[in-house]
Structure formats: C-alpha cells, structure tokens
Amino acid sequence: MAKNYYQDGNTMDWHNGTGKDVVSGQPVIVGDLIGIAQHDIPVDADGELMMTGVFVLPKVTAGTWQRGVQLWLTKDGKLTSEEKDGSDPNAFAGTAWITTNPNDPEGRVRLGF
C-alpha cells in the first residue's frame, strides 16, 4: 500500500450539526458534494456517510434526463439536472444511472465524479 494512502473514500465520518435528526438513506450536503447517511444520525451525534454507490432519491417534479448526465441535489433534497436553483448553487450529486421520465418520482444517481 502506498505510504500516503489515507482511506478508500467509500465512507466519510460526519458530525450532525444541522439541528435536525438525519435518517438512514437521507442525502446530506457536505460542502459541494453529497453523502448518504448510512444509519440514523441524531442531532449533535457522529455518524458515517456513504460517498460511493448508486442510490434512489426523490427528484424534482418535471425532471427528466438521460443516463450518464451530471445531477445535483437541491436544498430540499431532490435530484435535478440543473446546476443552480435560480442564483443558488445546488450540491453536486453524481451521474444519472438510468434515464428518467417527467412522471418518475425518483431517480438513480451514482455518487461522486
């Protein structure tokens, strides 16, 4: 193993300072990225976020996209193909794993770049 190896990057230790409980499977914005709560993380507790993998998340109502396009997460926790919500930037989520249609309530995203 390389002497400068730190970790595999599949999970990230995270302290819940949001003021709200986070439930398992919930997306969490960390800087410009997102992670998925591996377990329930109460307010002011430490937990782990999954930073790799494909996850099913809610999407914006009229959202439609092709497999492989970049996706972002809005502040209300929905996938979108829009980098910004008005003048507010969305957090980068990853790439679309499957094509979605306007009526689909959720999408599949492969986390990360």
N, C-alpha and C. Protein backbone atom coordinates (compact mmCIF):
# COMPACT_ATOMS: atom_id res chain seq x y z
N MET A 1 0.85 -1.17 0.00
CA MET A 1 0.00 0.00 0.00
C MET A 1 0.90 1.24 0.00
N ALA A 2 0.49 2.25 -0.74
CA ALA A 2 1.26 3.49 -0.83
C ALA A 2 1.37 4.15 0.54
N LYS A 3 2.53 4.72 0.80
CA LYS A 3 2.76 5.33 2.12
C LYS A 3 1.87 6.54 2.38
N ASN A 4 1.29 7.13 1.33
CA ASN A 4 0.41 8.28 1.53
C ASN A 4 -1.08 7.92 1.45
N TYR A 5 -1.39 6.61 1.46
CA TYR A 5 -2.79 6.15 1.44
C TYR A 5 -3.48 6.57 2.73
N TYR A 6 -4.68 7.10 2.62
CA TYR A 6 -5.44 7.53 3.79
C TYR A 6 -6.62 6.59 4.05
N GLN A 7 -7.51 6.45 3.07
CA GLN A 7 -8.64 5.53 3.18
C GLN A 7 -9.25 5.32 1.81
N ASP A 8 -10.20 4.38 1.69
CA ASP A 8 -10.77 4.07 0.37
C ASP A 8 -11.76 5.12 -0.12
N GLY A 9 -12.27 5.98 0.73
CA GLY A 9 -13.17 7.04 0.30
C GLY A 9 -14.61 6.60 0.12
N ASN A 10 -14.93 5.38 0.50
CA ASN A 10 -16.31 4.91 0.37
C ASN A 10 -17.24 5.52 1.42
N THR A 11 -16.68 5.86 2.59
CA THR A 11 -17.47 6.48 3.64
C THR A 11 -16.73 7.69 4.19
N MET A 12 -17.48 8.57 4.83
CA MET A 12 -16.90 9.76 5.45
C MET A 12 -17.48 9.88 6.87
N ASP A 13 -16.61 10.07 7.85
CA ASP A 13 -17.08 10.38 9.20
C ASP A 13 -17.70 11.77 9.16
N TRP A 14 -18.83 11.94 9.84
CA TRP A 14 -19.56 13.21 9.77
C TRP A 14 -20.24 13.48 11.10
N HIS A 15 -20.17 14.71 11.56
CA HIS A 15 -20.85 15.16 12.78
C HIS A 15 -22.12 15.91 12.37
N ASN A 16 -23.26 15.50 12.91
CA ASN A 16 -24.53 16.13 12.57
C ASN A 16 -24.73 17.41 13.37
N GLY A 17 -24.34 18.51 12.76
CA GLY A 17 -24.54 19.82 13.36
C GLY A 17 -25.64 20.59 12.68
N THR A 18 -26.58 19.88 12.04
CA THR A 18 -27.63 20.53 11.26
C THR A 18 -28.80 21.04 12.10
N GLY A 19 -28.90 20.55 13.34
CA GLY A 19 -30.04 20.92 14.17
C GLY A 19 -31.25 20.03 13.95
N LYS A 20 -31.13 19.03 13.06
CA LYS A 20 -32.22 18.09 12.78
C LYS A 20 -31.65 16.68 12.73
N ASP A 21 -32.45 15.70 13.17
CA ASP A 21 -32.04 14.31 13.03
C ASP A 21 -31.94 13.96 11.55
N VAL A 22 -30.98 13.12 11.22
CA VAL A 22 -30.81 12.62 9.86
C VAL A 22 -31.13 11.13 9.90
N VAL A 23 -31.95 10.67 8.96
CA VAL A 23 -32.35 9.26 8.94
C VAL A 23 -31.54 8.50 7.91
N SER A 24 -31.41 7.21 8.15
CA SER A 24 -30.68 6.34 7.23
C SER A 24 -31.22 6.50 5.80
N GLY A 25 -30.32 6.67 4.86
CA GLY A 25 -30.71 6.84 3.46
C GLY A 25 -30.93 8.27 3.03
N GLN A 26 -30.90 9.19 3.97
CA GLN A 26 -31.12 10.60 3.66
C GLN A 26 -29.86 11.21 3.05
N PRO A 27 -30.00 11.98 1.97
CA PRO A 27 -28.83 12.69 1.43
C PRO A 27 -28.44 13.85 2.34
N VAL A 28 -27.14 14.06 2.46
CA VAL A 28 -26.58 15.12 3.29
C VAL A 28 -25.60 15.91 2.43
N ILE A 29 -25.77 17.22 2.40
CA ILE A 29 -24.85 18.08 1.65
C ILE A 29 -23.62 18.35 2.51
N VAL A 30 -22.45 18.05 1.94
CA VAL A 30 -21.17 18.28 2.61
C VAL A 30 -20.33 19.13 1.66
N GLY A 31 -20.28 20.42 1.92
CA GLY A 31 -19.56 21.31 1.00
C GLY A 31 -20.25 21.32 -0.35
N ASP A 32 -19.53 20.92 -1.39
CA ASP A 32 -20.08 20.88 -2.74
C ASP A 32 -20.50 19.48 -3.17
N LEU A 33 -20.43 18.50 -2.25
CA LEU A 33 -20.78 17.11 -2.56
C LEU A 33 -21.95 16.67 -1.69
N ILE A 34 -22.42 15.45 -1.96
CA ILE A 34 -23.40 14.86 -1.06
C ILE A 34 -22.92 13.48 -0.63
N GLY A 35 -23.40 13.07 0.54
CA GLY A 35 -23.22 11.72 1.03
C GLY A 35 -24.58 11.22 1.47
N ILE A 36 -24.69 9.92 1.69
CA ILE A 36 -25.94 9.32 2.12
C ILE A 36 -25.73 8.75 3.52
N ALA A 37 -26.61 9.10 4.45
CA ALA A 37 -26.49 8.62 5.82
C ALA A 37 -26.59 7.09 5.84
N GLN A 38 -25.56 6.46 6.40
CA GLN A 38 -25.54 5.01 6.47
C GLN A 38 -26.52 4.49 7.52
N HIS A 39 -26.67 5.22 8.60
CA HIS A 39 -27.59 4.89 9.69
C HIS A 39 -28.24 6.20 10.15
N ASP A 40 -29.21 6.10 11.04
CA ASP A 40 -29.77 7.31 11.64
C ASP A 40 -28.67 8.04 12.40
N ILE A 41 -28.63 9.38 12.26
CA ILE A 41 -27.63 10.19 12.95
C ILE A 41 -28.38 11.31 13.69
N PRO A 42 -28.56 11.15 15.00
CA PRO A 42 -29.25 12.18 15.77
C PRO A 42 -28.49 13.50 15.76
N VAL A 43 -29.17 14.57 16.13
CA VAL A 43 -28.56 15.90 16.25
C VAL A 43 -27.36 15.81 17.19
N ASP A 44 -26.27 16.46 16.83
CA ASP A 44 -25.03 16.53 17.61
C ASP A 44 -24.35 15.18 17.81
N ALA A 45 -24.68 14.18 17.00
CA ALA A 45 -24.02 12.88 17.07
C ALA A 45 -23.12 12.69 15.86
N ASP A 46 -22.20 11.74 15.97
CA ASP A 46 -21.32 11.39 14.86
C ASP A 46 -21.88 10.18 14.13
N GLY A 47 -21.65 10.14 12.83
CA GLY A 47 -22.10 9.01 12.03
C GLY A 47 -21.27 8.90 10.77
N GLU A 48 -21.69 8.00 9.89
CA GLU A 48 -20.97 7.80 8.63
C GLU A 48 -21.88 8.09 7.45
N LEU A 49 -21.29 8.72 6.46
CA LEU A 49 -21.98 8.97 5.20
C LEU A 49 -21.35 8.07 4.13
N MET A 50 -22.19 7.48 3.32
CA MET A 50 -21.70 6.70 2.18
C MET A 50 -21.42 7.70 1.06
N MET A 51 -20.24 7.60 0.47
CA MET A 51 -19.81 8.57 -0.54
C MET A 51 -19.69 7.95 -1.93
N THR A 52 -19.93 6.66 -2.04
CA THR A 52 -19.90 5.97 -3.33
C THR A 52 -21.11 5.05 -3.41
N GLY A 53 -21.46 4.65 -4.61
CA GLY A 53 -22.58 3.74 -4.82
C GLY A 53 -23.69 4.41 -5.60
N VAL A 54 -24.71 3.62 -5.91
CA VAL A 54 -25.88 4.11 -6.65
C VAL A 54 -27.06 4.13 -5.69
N PHE A 55 -27.75 5.27 -5.62
CA PHE A 55 -28.85 5.44 -4.67
C PHE A 55 -30.10 5.95 -5.39
N VAL A 56 -31.25 5.57 -4.85
CA VAL A 56 -32.55 6.04 -5.33
C VAL A 56 -32.94 7.22 -4.46
N LEU A 57 -33.15 8.38 -5.09
CA LEU A 57 -33.51 9.60 -4.37
C LEU A 57 -34.68 10.29 -5.07
N PRO A 58 -35.46 11.08 -4.32
CA PRO A 58 -36.55 11.83 -4.96
C PRO A 58 -35.97 12.83 -5.95
N LYS A 59 -36.75 13.15 -6.97
CA LYS A 59 -36.29 14.12 -7.97
C LYS A 59 -37.30 15.24 -8.12
N VAL A 60 -36.85 16.33 -8.74
CA VAL A 60 -37.76 17.44 -9.00
C VAL A 60 -38.90 16.94 -9.89
N THR A 61 -40.05 17.53 -9.73
CA THR A 61 -41.27 17.05 -10.37
C THR A 61 -41.15 16.85 -11.88
N ALA A 62 -40.71 17.86 -12.59
CA ALA A 62 -40.67 17.78 -14.05
C ALA A 62 -39.32 17.30 -14.57
N GLY A 63 -38.46 16.86 -13.69
CA GLY A 63 -37.11 16.47 -14.11
C GLY A 63 -37.09 15.28 -15.04
N THR A 64 -36.31 15.41 -16.08
CA THR A 64 -36.08 14.30 -16.99
C THR A 64 -34.65 14.39 -17.48
N TRP A 65 -33.98 13.26 -17.57
CA TRP A 65 -32.59 13.26 -18.02
C TRP A 65 -32.21 11.90 -18.57
N GLN A 66 -31.14 11.89 -19.31
CA GLN A 66 -30.60 10.68 -19.90
C GLN A 66 -29.54 10.07 -18.99
N ARG A 67 -29.35 8.80 -19.10
CA ARG A 67 -28.30 8.09 -18.37
C ARG A 67 -26.95 8.77 -18.60
N GLY A 68 -26.19 8.95 -17.52
CA GLY A 68 -24.84 9.49 -17.62
C GLY A 68 -24.70 10.99 -17.47
N VAL A 69 -25.82 11.73 -17.41
CA VAL A 69 -25.68 13.18 -17.24
C VAL A 69 -25.38 13.51 -15.78
N GLN A 70 -24.78 14.67 -15.56
CA GLN A 70 -24.48 15.10 -14.19
C GLN A 70 -25.77 15.53 -13.49
N LEU A 71 -25.84 15.18 -12.19
CA LEU A 71 -27.01 15.53 -11.38
C LEU A 71 -26.57 16.29 -10.14
N TRP A 72 -27.44 17.14 -9.65
CA TRP A 72 -27.21 17.93 -8.44
C TRP A 72 -28.34 17.67 -7.47
N LEU A 73 -28.13 18.05 -6.22
CA LEU A 73 -29.14 17.93 -5.18
C LEU A 73 -29.58 19.32 -4.75
N THR A 74 -30.89 19.55 -4.78
CA THR A 74 -31.42 20.84 -4.34
C THR A 74 -31.37 20.91 -2.82
N LYS A 75 -31.56 22.10 -2.28
CA LYS A 75 -31.54 22.27 -0.83
C LYS A 75 -32.65 21.50 -0.13
N ASP A 76 -33.74 21.18 -0.87
CA ASP A 76 -34.81 20.39 -0.27
C ASP A 76 -34.65 18.89 -0.54
N GLY A 77 -33.45 18.48 -0.98
CA GLY A 77 -33.13 17.06 -1.08
C GLY A 77 -33.64 16.33 -2.31
N LYS A 78 -33.80 17.04 -3.42
CA LYS A 78 -34.29 16.40 -4.65
C LYS A 78 -33.24 16.49 -5.75
N LEU A 79 -33.17 15.42 -6.55
CA LEU A 79 -32.24 15.40 -7.68
C LEU A 79 -32.74 16.31 -8.79
N THR A 80 -31.78 16.95 -9.46
CA THR A 80 -32.08 17.80 -10.60
C THR A 80 -30.90 17.76 -11.56
N SER A 81 -31.16 18.06 -12.81
CA SER A 81 -30.07 18.17 -13.78
C SER A 81 -29.60 19.61 -13.89
N GLU A 82 -30.15 20.49 -13.05
CA GLU A 82 -29.79 21.90 -13.06
C GLU A 82 -28.72 22.18 -12.01
N GLU A 83 -27.64 22.83 -12.44
CA GLU A 83 -26.54 23.14 -11.53
C GLU A 83 -26.92 24.20 -10.51
N LYS A 84 -27.87 25.06 -10.87
CA LYS A 84 -28.29 26.14 -9.97
C LYS A 84 -29.80 26.16 -9.86
N ASP A 85 -30.27 26.62 -8.71
CA ASP A 85 -31.69 26.86 -8.47
C ASP A 85 -31.84 28.37 -8.39
N GLY A 86 -32.14 29.01 -9.50
CA GLY A 86 -32.10 30.47 -9.56
C GLY A 86 -30.66 30.91 -9.46
N SER A 87 -30.32 31.70 -8.46
CA SER A 87 -28.93 32.12 -8.27
C SER A 87 -28.21 31.25 -7.24
N ASP A 88 -28.94 30.33 -6.59
CA ASP A 88 -28.34 29.45 -5.58
C ASP A 88 -27.76 28.20 -6.23
N PRO A 89 -26.50 27.87 -5.93
CA PRO A 89 -25.93 26.63 -6.48
C PRO A 89 -26.50 25.40 -5.77
N ASN A 90 -26.67 24.33 -6.52
CA ASN A 90 -27.05 23.04 -5.95
C ASN A 90 -25.77 22.25 -5.69
N ALA A 91 -25.83 21.27 -4.81
CA ALA A 91 -24.66 20.44 -4.48
C ALA A 91 -24.52 19.33 -5.52
N PHE A 92 -23.30 19.11 -6.00
CA PHE A 92 -23.08 18.05 -6.99
C PHE A 92 -23.38 16.69 -6.36
N ALA A 93 -24.20 15.89 -7.03
CA ALA A 93 -24.58 14.58 -6.51
C ALA A 93 -23.82 13.46 -7.22
N GLY A 94 -23.73 13.52 -8.54
CA GLY A 94 -23.08 12.45 -9.30
C GLY A 94 -23.65 12.38 -10.70
N THR A 95 -23.76 11.15 -11.22
CA THR A 95 -24.26 10.96 -12.58
C THR A 95 -25.50 10.07 -12.57
N ALA A 96 -26.39 10.34 -13.52
CA ALA A 96 -27.62 9.55 -13.64
C ALA A 96 -27.29 8.12 -14.02
N TRP A 97 -27.82 7.18 -13.28
CA TRP A 97 -27.55 5.77 -13.53
C TRP A 97 -28.52 5.21 -14.57
N ILE A 98 -29.75 5.76 -14.60
CA ILE A 98 -30.73 5.36 -15.61
C ILE A 98 -31.42 6.62 -16.13
N THR A 99 -32.06 6.49 -17.28
CA THR A 99 -32.85 7.58 -17.86
C THR A 99 -34.14 7.73 -17.06
N THR A 100 -34.57 8.97 -16.83
CA THR A 100 -35.83 9.21 -16.13
C THR A 100 -36.83 9.91 -17.03
N ASN A 101 -38.08 9.82 -16.64
CA ASN A 101 -39.18 10.47 -17.34
C ASN A 101 -39.78 11.52 -16.43
N PRO A 102 -40.53 12.49 -16.98
CA PRO A 102 -41.11 13.55 -16.15
C PRO A 102 -41.99 13.04 -15.01
N ASN A 103 -42.69 11.93 -15.20
CA ASN A 103 -43.61 11.42 -14.17
C ASN A 103 -42.93 10.56 -13.11
N ASP A 104 -41.66 10.22 -13.29
CA ASP A 104 -40.95 9.42 -12.30
C ASP A 104 -40.77 10.24 -11.02
N PRO A 105 -41.13 9.71 -9.86
CA PRO A 105 -40.98 10.46 -8.61
C PRO A 105 -39.55 10.42 -8.07
N GLU A 106 -38.72 9.54 -8.61
CA GLU A 106 -37.36 9.40 -8.11
C GLU A 106 -36.40 9.09 -9.25
N GLY A 107 -35.12 9.24 -8.94
CA GLY A 107 -34.09 8.93 -9.92
C GLY A 107 -33.01 8.11 -9.24
N ARG A 108 -32.12 7.56 -10.05
CA ARG A 108 -30.99 6.80 -9.53
C ARG A 108 -29.71 7.56 -9.87
N VAL A 109 -28.88 7.75 -8.86
CA VAL A 109 -27.66 8.54 -9.04
C VAL A 109 -26.48 7.77 -8.52
N ARG A 110 -25.42 7.75 -9.30
CA ARG A 110 -24.13 7.21 -8.85
C ARG A 110 -23.39 8.38 -8.24
N LEU A 111 -23.09 8.28 -6.95
CA LEU A 111 -22.47 9.39 -6.24
C LEU A 111 -21.07 9.69 -6.75
N GLY A 112 -20.71 10.96 -6.68
CA GLY A 112 -19.36 11.39 -6.98
C GLY A 112 -19.08 11.68 -8.43
N PHE A 113 -17.84 12.00 -8.67
CA PHE A 113 -17.41 12.39 -10.03
C PHE A 113 -17.13 11.20 -10.89
